[in-house]
Amino acid sequence: MSSPYLNNLIIIGCILTYTSVILLGLNSGLTSENNFPYICASRAWVLMTGFTLAFGSQKKNNNNDDDDDKMSK
């Protein structure tokens, strides 16, 4: 059984990861060069946070499934 809260964290992580793809595609034609330090930092943080939420929640979700199997035996 999976937890709805962990599923929501996975969804949020995926959305953040996909958002980082948009940030990675920005260039000087779309934004000013003065904003590049902020965009560069934000895309790294958004990608890191999204990846951590998506895959960290999956691992925790799988561990809960293993605990449920042990308890049913």
C-alpha atoms as a PDB file:
ATOM      1  CA  MET A   1       0.000   0.000   0.000  1.00  0.00           C
ATOM      2  CA  SER A   2       1.215   3.469  -0.804  1.00  0.00           C
ATOM      3  CA  SER A   3       0.598   6.575   1.224  1.00  0.00           C
ATOM      4  CA  PRO A   4      -1.281   9.459  -0.426  1.00  0.00           C
ATOM      5  CA  TYR A   5       1.064  11.942   1.244  1.00  0.00           C
ATOM      6  CA  LEU A   6       4.112  10.286  -0.292  1.00  0.00           C
ATOM      7  CA  ASN A   7       2.381  10.140  -3.668  1.00  0.00           C
ATOM      8  CA  ASN A   8       1.761  13.892  -3.424  1.00  0.00           C
ATOM      9  CA  LEU A   9       5.448  14.468  -2.665  1.00  0.00           C
ATOM     10  CA  ILE A  10       6.380  12.429  -5.740  1.00  0.00           C
ATOM     11  CA  ILE A  11       4.043  14.540  -7.884  1.00  0.00           C
ATOM     12  CA  ILE A  12       5.452  17.798  -6.503  1.00  0.00           C
ATOM     13  CA  GLY A  13       8.984  16.521  -7.135  1.00  0.00           C
ATOM     14  CA  CYS A  14       8.129  15.666 -10.734  1.00  0.00           C
ATOM     15  CA  ILE A  15       6.558  19.083 -11.305  1.00  0.00           C
ATOM     16  CA  LEU A  16       9.658  20.809  -9.915  1.00  0.00           C
ATOM     17  CA  THR A  17      11.924  18.653 -12.067  1.00  0.00           C
ATOM     18  CA  TYR A  18       9.932  19.506 -15.184  1.00  0.00           C
ATOM     19  CA  THR A  19      10.000  23.182 -14.185  1.00  0.00           C
ATOM     20  CA  SER A  20      13.787  23.037 -14.074  1.00  0.00           C
ATOM     21  CA  VAL A  21      13.772  21.971 -17.745  1.00  0.00           C
ATOM     22  CA  ILE A  22      12.014  25.237 -18.599  1.00  0.00           C
ATOM     23  CA  LEU A  23      14.554  27.192 -16.565  1.00  0.00           C
ATOM     24  CA  LEU A  24      17.412  25.360 -18.288  1.00  0.00           C
ATOM     25  CA  GLY A  25      16.034  26.478 -21.655  1.00  0.00           C
ATOM     26  CA  LEU A  26      16.119  30.200 -20.882  1.00  0.00           C
ATOM     27  CA  ASN A  27      18.655  32.240 -22.819  1.00  0.00           C
ATOM     28  CA  SER A  28      19.567  35.904 -23.226  1.00  0.00           C
ATOM     29  CA  GLY A  29      16.876  36.346 -25.862  1.00  0.00           C
ATOM     30  CA  LEU A  30      14.157  35.658 -23.315  1.00  0.00           C
ATOM     31  CA  THR A  31      15.628  37.343 -20.224  1.00  0.00           C
ATOM     32  CA  SER A  32      18.166  40.020 -19.466  1.00  0.00           C
ATOM     33  CA  GLU A  33      21.735  39.083 -18.667  1.00  0.00           C
ATOM     34  CA  ASN A  34      21.406  40.722 -15.254  1.00  0.00           C
ATOM     35  CA  ASN A  35      18.996  37.956 -14.218  1.00  0.00           C
ATOM     36  CA  PHE A  36      21.279  35.065 -15.205  1.00  0.00           C
ATOM     37  CA  PRO A  37      22.934  34.596 -11.780  1.00  0.00           C
ATOM     38  CA  TYR A  38      19.486  34.250 -10.196  1.00  0.00           C
ATOM     39  CA  ILE A  39      18.190  31.955 -12.926  1.00  0.00           C
ATOM     40  CA  CYS A  40      21.303  29.802 -12.740  1.00  0.00           C
ATOM     41  CA  ALA A  41      20.989  29.393  -8.975  1.00  0.00           C
ATOM     42  CA  SER A  42      17.241  28.793  -9.088  1.00  0.00           C
ATOM     43  CA  ARG A  43      17.413  26.112 -11.778  1.00  0.00           C
ATOM     44  CA  ALA A  44      20.002  24.193  -9.785  1.00  0.00           C
ATOM     45  CA  TRP A  45      17.896  24.427  -6.612  1.00  0.00           C
ATOM     46  CA  VAL A  46      14.646  23.531  -8.400  1.00  0.00           C
ATOM     47  CA  LEU A  47      16.223  20.499 -10.089  1.00  0.00           C
ATOM     48  CA  MET A  48      17.874  19.326  -6.876  1.00  0.00           C
ATOM     49  CA  THR A  49      14.711  19.757  -4.807  1.00  0.00           C
ATOM     50  CA  GLY A  50      12.508  18.071  -7.402  1.00  0.00           C
ATOM     51  CA  PHE A  51      14.838  15.107  -7.793  1.00  0.00           C
ATOM     52  CA  THR A  52      15.157  14.707  -4.032  1.00  0.00           C
ATOM     53  CA  LEU A  53      11.404  14.807  -3.464  1.00  0.00           C
ATOM     54  CA  ALA A  54      10.535  12.485  -6.342  1.00  0.00           C
ATOM     55  CA  PHE A  55      13.098   9.761  -5.726  1.00  0.00           C
ATOM     56  CA  GLY A  56      13.350  10.139  -1.960  1.00  0.00           C
ATOM     57  CA  SER A  57       9.610   9.669  -1.600  1.00  0.00           C
ATOM     58  CA  GLN A  58       9.725   6.586  -3.802  1.00  0.00           C
ATOM     59  CA  LYS A  59      12.368   4.977  -1.635  1.00  0.00           C
ATOM     60  CA  LYS A  60      10.449   5.768   1.541  1.00  0.00           C
ATOM     61  CA  ASN A  61       7.274   4.465  -0.093  1.00  0.00           C
ATOM     62  CA  ASN A  62       8.997   1.168  -0.956  1.00  0.00           C
ATOM     63  CA  ASN A  63      10.339   0.821   2.587  1.00  0.00           C
ATOM     64  CA  ASN A  64       6.815   1.169   3.957  1.00  0.00           C
ATOM     65  CA  ASP A  65       5.648  -1.629   1.659  1.00  0.00           C
ATOM     66  CA  ASP A  66       8.391  -3.902   3.016  1.00  0.00           C
ATOM     67  CA  ASP A  67       7.375  -3.133   6.597  1.00  0.00           C
ATOM     68  CA  ASP A  68       3.766  -3.995   5.796  1.00  0.00           C
ATOM     69  CA  ASP A  69       4.867  -7.374   4.399  1.00  0.00           C
ATOM     70  CA  LYS A  70       6.848  -8.163   7.557  1.00  0.00           C
ATOM     71  CA  MET A  71       3.927  -7.274   9.792  1.00  0.00           C
ATOM     72  CA  SER A  72       1.494  -9.481   7.879  1.00  0.00           C
ATOM     73  CA  LYS A  73       3.670 -12.592   8.298  1.00  0.00           C
END
